[in-house]
């Protein structure tokens, strides 16, 4: 029984969201800040299958602009997997605008996120380790097309499970995404990403996503969704499939002028 629990835990930890998970519906993080005194609330639902393990999680993300160039972030999932459910690992973060977009230069920002090991890893609700994500983000706008690129390094701590230390590898992450505004209220999204596995010796991830955004109420709120899948044969590195849909609500403050919505 103990051996079975250990094997299940390894699979579940491999499927656990990493600190690299960014503001939905894509994994690629947005570049602009939300604007001073502005509050963004993302609420949604994610279902992911990685190997034989399925996870579903209502997700909540809060962003708050403390200045025109800086924002704070709080993320908290509620996870259901393997017959267990409960709050997952909480992520705290901060983002700073480094460079405004110009003719010859992309908009650039830098972020730092810390995922805390507050959830019960033995039930698959969390990863069991503290993770620190350092990310550089860039964006270039060409008419209705916005191109995003992220480059991140995640420091992953080792996990102690059933009295044994399980080594983890740090993660290098790179992604490229596009958002095309088809009409005033509609946009389509695409994404390609690569990341090595935090489990030593396990296959790296190469996956793609397709999604959409629908803007309503003068663009201050939006509905969005995405579907992602591994591009590798046999879905190695995962995910076999990941669905996400959600809503964004915006309160107070002045909008960031560099945003198109």
Protein backbone atom coordinates (compact mmCIF):
# COMPACT_ATOMS: atom_id res chain seq x y z
CA UNK A 1 0.00 0.00 0.00
CA UNK A 2 2.80 2.42 0.86
CA UNK A 3 4.50 1.68 -2.46
CA UNK A 4 1.24 2.26 -4.35
CA UNK A 5 0.72 5.55 -2.51
CA UNK A 6 4.28 6.61 -3.44
CA UNK A 7 3.75 5.81 -7.14
CA UNK A 8 0.44 7.68 -7.21
CA UNK A 9 2.03 10.65 -5.48
CA UNK A 10 4.82 10.82 -8.08
CA UNK A 11 2.26 10.93 -10.91
CA UNK A 12 0.12 13.50 -9.14
CA UNK A 13 3.08 15.75 -8.35
CA UNK A 14 4.13 15.58 -11.97
CA UNK A 15 0.69 16.80 -12.95
CA UNK A 16 0.53 19.54 -10.31
CA UNK A 17 0.46 23.09 -11.64
CA UNK A 18 3.90 24.68 -11.60
CA UNK A 19 4.64 28.22 -10.51
CA UNK A 20 4.91 29.01 -14.23
CA UNK A 21 1.12 28.96 -14.52
CA UNK A 22 0.26 32.53 -15.37
CA UNK A 23 -2.85 34.63 -15.74
CA UNK A 24 -5.42 32.61 -17.77
CA UNK A 25 -6.41 31.45 -20.26
CA UNK A 26 -2.86 30.78 -21.52
CA UNK A 27 0.30 29.83 -19.66
CA UNK A 28 2.16 32.73 -21.29
CA UNK A 29 1.99 35.68 -18.93
CA UNK A 30 0.64 39.09 -19.92
CA UNK A 31 3.10 41.95 -20.18
CA UNK A 32 1.22 45.16 -19.25
CA UNK A 33 0.39 45.95 -15.64
CA UNK A 34 -3.25 46.48 -14.71
CA UNK A 35 -2.90 50.19 -13.84
CA UNK A 36 -2.71 52.06 -10.54
CA UNK A 37 -5.58 51.30 -8.17
CA UNK A 38 -7.08 48.81 -10.62
CA UNK A 39 -8.21 45.37 -9.49
CA UNK A 40 -8.55 42.36 -11.81
CA UNK A 41 -10.38 39.25 -10.63
CA UNK A 42 -10.06 36.07 -12.71
CA UNK A 43 -12.29 33.14 -11.83
CA UNK A 44 -12.48 29.95 -13.83
CA UNK A 45 -12.27 26.18 -14.05
CA UNK A 46 -9.44 23.98 -15.32
CA UNK A 47 -9.43 20.26 -16.08
CA UNK A 48 -6.15 18.51 -16.92
CA UNK A 49 -5.17 14.94 -17.71
CA UNK A 50 -1.52 13.94 -17.44
CA UNK A 51 -0.99 10.24 -17.98
CA UNK A 52 -3.59 8.38 -15.90
CA UNK A 53 -4.12 11.27 -13.52
CA UNK A 54 -6.93 13.78 -13.92
CA UNK A 55 -7.17 17.05 -12.01
CA UNK A 56 -9.95 19.58 -11.93
CA UNK A 57 -9.62 22.89 -10.17
CA UNK A 58 -11.74 26.01 -9.80
CA UNK A 59 -9.08 28.73 -10.04
CA UNK A 60 -9.01 32.26 -8.66
CA UNK A 61 -6.46 34.93 -9.58
CA UNK A 62 -6.34 38.45 -8.15
CA UNK A 63 -4.23 41.27 -9.63
CA UNK A 64 -3.90 44.73 -8.07
CA UNK A 65 -1.99 47.71 -9.43
CA UNK A 66 -0.05 49.42 -6.64
CA UNK A 67 1.47 51.94 -9.09
CA UNK A 68 1.20 52.57 -12.81
CA UNK A 69 4.17 50.25 -13.40
CA UNK A 70 3.79 47.66 -10.62
CA UNK A 71 1.18 45.08 -9.68
CA UNK A 72 0.68 42.33 -7.09
CA UNK A 73 -0.82 38.88 -7.65
CA UNK A 74 -2.53 36.19 -5.58
CA UNK A 75 -3.59 32.81 -7.01
CA UNK A 76 -5.52 30.11 -5.15
CA UNK A 77 -6.91 26.87 -6.67
CA UNK A 78 -9.37 24.39 -5.19
CA UNK A 79 -8.25 20.97 -6.43
CA UNK A 80 -10.13 17.71 -6.95
CA UNK A 81 -8.06 14.64 -7.87
CA UNK A 82 -7.93 10.93 -7.04
CA UNK A 83 -10.96 11.11 -4.76
CA UNK A 84 -9.48 13.98 -2.72
CA UNK A 85 -10.34 17.66 -2.76
CA UNK A 86 -9.14 20.77 -0.98
CA UNK A 87 -7.27 24.02 -1.45
CA UNK A 88 -4.12 23.75 -3.56
CA UNK A 89 -0.84 25.62 -3.27
CA UNK A 90 -1.17 29.41 -3.09
CA UNK A 91 0.96 31.59 -5.38
CA UNK A 92 2.06 35.15 -4.52
CA UNK A 93 3.68 37.38 -7.11
CA UNK A 94 4.74 40.84 -8.25
CA UNK A 95 5.32 42.33 -11.71
CA UNK A 96 7.14 45.49 -12.80
CA UNK A 97 7.06 47.23 -16.16
CA UNK A 98 10.62 47.60 -17.45
CA UNK A 99 10.18 49.09 -20.93
CA UNK A 100 7.24 50.68 -22.73
CA UNK A 101 6.60 49.60 -26.31
CA UNK A 102 8.24 51.71 -29.04
CA UNK A 103 8.69 51.37 -32.79
CA UNK A 104 11.93 49.42 -32.44
CA UNK A 105 11.41 47.86 -29.00
CA UNK A 106 8.81 45.53 -27.48
CA UNK A 107 6.98 46.25 -24.24
CA UNK A 108 8.90 44.41 -21.50
CA UNK A 109 8.13 43.50 -17.91
CA UNK A 110 9.69 41.26 -15.26
CA UNK A 111 7.88 39.20 -12.63
CA UNK A 112 8.60 37.11 -9.57
CA UNK A 113 6.22 34.48 -8.17
CA UNK A 114 6.47 32.20 -5.14
CA UNK A 115 4.31 29.07 -4.90
CA UNK A 116 3.87 28.03 -1.28
CA UNK A 117 3.65 24.37 -0.14
CA UNK A 118 0.48 24.90 1.88
CA UNK A 119 -1.55 22.07 0.30
CA UNK A 120 -1.49 18.36 1.25
CA UNK A 121 0.90 16.75 -1.24
CA UNK A 122 0.08 13.23 0.00
CA UNK A 123 -3.43 13.69 -1.43
CA UNK A 124 -2.17 15.24 -4.65
CA UNK A 125 -3.45 18.70 -3.81
CA UNK A 126 -0.04 20.37 -4.06
CA UNK A 127 3.54 19.75 -5.13
CA UNK A 128 5.02 19.61 -1.62
CA UNK A 129 7.75 22.16 -2.34
CA UNK A 130 8.27 25.90 -2.45
CA UNK A 131 8.87 27.16 -5.98
CA UNK A 132 10.27 30.52 -7.09
CA UNK A 133 9.52 31.67 -10.63
CA UNK A 134 11.57 34.44 -12.29
CA UNK A 135 10.09 35.54 -15.61
CA UNK A 136 10.91 38.02 -18.38
CA UNK A 137 7.93 38.97 -20.56
CA UNK A 138 7.78 40.88 -23.86
CA UNK A 139 5.01 42.02 -26.21
CA UNK A 140 4.87 43.60 -29.66
CA UNK A 141 1.71 44.98 -31.24
CA UNK A 142 1.13 45.10 -34.99
CA UNK A 143 -2.37 46.36 -35.67
CA UNK A 144 -4.82 43.70 -34.53
CA UNK A 145 -2.04 41.20 -33.77
CA UNK A 146 -0.22 41.01 -30.44
CA UNK A 147 2.74 38.68 -30.02
CA UNK A 148 3.87 37.64 -26.54
CA UNK A 149 7.06 35.86 -25.46
CA UNK A 150 8.00 34.57 -22.01
CA UNK A 151 11.30 33.22 -20.72
CA UNK A 152 11.28 31.87 -17.16
CA UNK A 153 13.41 30.02 -14.63
CA UNK A 154 11.70 28.22 -11.74
CA UNK A 155 13.67 27.18 -8.68
CA UNK A 156 12.02 23.98 -7.44
CA UNK A 157 12.70 22.67 -3.95
CA UNK A 158 13.06 18.99 -3.09
CA UNK A 159 10.06 17.13 -1.68
CA UNK A 160 10.01 15.04 1.50
CA UNK A 161 7.37 12.30 1.19
CA UNK A 162 6.88 9.36 3.57
CA UNK A 163 10.18 10.26 5.23
CA UNK A 164 12.16 10.10 1.98
CA UNK A 165 13.62 13.06 0.09
CA UNK A 166 12.62 13.21 -3.57
CA UNK A 167 14.94 15.33 -5.70
CA UNK A 168 13.50 17.89 -8.08
CA UNK A 169 15.05 19.71 -11.02
CA UNK A 170 14.77 23.43 -11.67
CA UNK A 171 12.59 24.29 -14.66
CA UNK A 172 13.44 26.36 -17.72
CA UNK A 173 10.36 27.60 -19.52
CA UNK A 174 9.91 29.38 -22.86
CA UNK A 175 6.71 30.27 -24.70
CA UNK A 176 5.41 32.22 -27.68
CA UNK A 177 1.78 33.31 -27.97
CA UNK A 178 -0.41 35.35 -30.33
CA UNK A 179 -3.63 37.26 -29.78
CA UNK A 180 -5.51 38.40 -32.88
CA UNK A 181 -8.48 40.75 -32.54
CA UNK A 182 -11.00 39.51 -35.13
CA UNK A 183 -13.65 42.06 -34.18
CA UNK A 184 -14.28 44.66 -31.52
CA UNK A 185 -15.37 42.03 -28.98
CA UNK A 186 -13.63 38.85 -30.19
CA UNK A 187 -10.03 37.65 -30.20
CA UNK A 188 -8.40 34.29 -30.92
CA UNK A 189 -5.34 33.00 -29.07
CA UNK A 190 -2.57 30.53 -29.87
CA UNK A 191 0.44 29.38 -27.88
CA UNK A 192 3.51 27.17 -28.16
CA UNK A 193 5.54 26.34 -25.04
CA UNK A 194 8.49 24.27 -23.88
CA UNK A 195 9.53 23.32 -20.34
CA UNK A 196 11.74 20.63 -18.88
CA UNK A 197 10.26 18.29 -16.28
CA UNK A 198 10.83 18.97 -12.55
CA UNK A 199 11.15 15.19 -12.12
CA UNK A 200 14.72 14.10 -12.99
CA UNK A 201 14.84 11.77 -15.97
CA UNK A 202 11.25 12.47 -17.07
CA UNK A 203 10.40 13.78 -20.58
CA UNK A 204 10.23 17.50 -21.27
CA UNK A 205 7.02 19.25 -22.27
CA UNK A 206 6.29 20.60 -25.74
CA UNK A 207 2.67 21.62 -26.09
CA UNK A 208 0.31 23.97 -27.90
CA UNK A 209 -2.87 25.82 -26.97
CA UNK A 210 -5.78 27.41 -28.84
CA UNK A 211 -8.21 29.78 -27.19
CA UNK A 212 -10.53 32.76 -27.43
CA UNK A 213 -11.55 35.94 -25.62
CA UNK A 214 -14.90 37.68 -25.72
CA UNK A 215 -14.97 41.25 -24.37
CA UNK A 216 -18.19 42.74 -23.02
CA UNK A 217 -19.32 45.71 -20.91
CA UNK A 218 -17.09 48.19 -22.74
CA UNK A 219 -14.17 45.75 -22.66
CA UNK A 220 -13.79 45.89 -18.88
CA UNK A 221 -14.86 42.27 -18.48
CA UNK A 222 -14.21 39.23 -20.63
CA UNK A 223 -15.08 35.57 -21.10
CA UNK A 224 -12.29 33.28 -22.27
CA UNK A 225 -11.31 29.67 -22.76
CA UNK A 226 -8.54 27.46 -24.11
CA UNK A 227 -7.61 23.88 -24.88
CA UNK A 228 -4.03 22.57 -24.73
CA UNK A 229 -2.36 19.33 -25.76
CA UNK A 230 1.12 17.82 -25.92
CA UNK A 231 2.75 17.86 -29.35
CA UNK A 232 4.96 14.87 -28.58
CA UNK A 233 4.17 11.31 -29.66
CA UNK A 234 2.21 9.47 -26.99
CA UNK A 235 1.62 12.82 -25.19
CA UNK A 236 4.85 12.34 -23.26
CA UNK A 237 5.67 15.33 -21.12
CA UNK A 238 1.95 16.14 -21.08
CA UNK A 239 -0.63 17.32 -20.88
CA UNK A 240 -2.73 14.73 -22.67
CA UNK A 241 -5.41 17.39 -22.62
CA UNK A 242 -6.13 20.56 -20.63
CA UNK A 243 -9.32 22.62 -20.78
CA UNK A 244 -9.81 26.02 -19.21
CA UNK A 245 -12.69 28.50 -19.22
CA UNK A 246 -13.30 31.52 -17.07
CA UNK A 247 -14.27 35.15 -16.53
CA UNK A 248 -12.39 38.37 -15.79
CA UNK A 249 -13.88 41.26 -13.83
CA UNK A 250 -12.24 44.69 -13.51
CA UNK A 251 -12.84 47.18 -10.70
CA UNK A 252 -11.70 50.73 -9.97
CA UNK A 253 -8.69 52.76 -11.01
CA UNK A 254 -7.61 53.86 -14.44
CA UNK A 255 -6.83 51.36 -17.22
CA UNK A 256 -3.25 50.86 -18.36
CA UNK A 257 -3.05 52.99 -21.52
CA UNK A 258 -0.87 50.43 -23.28
CA UNK A 259 -3.63 47.79 -23.14
CA UNK A 260 -5.87 47.35 -26.18
CA UNK A 261 -8.93 46.47 -24.10
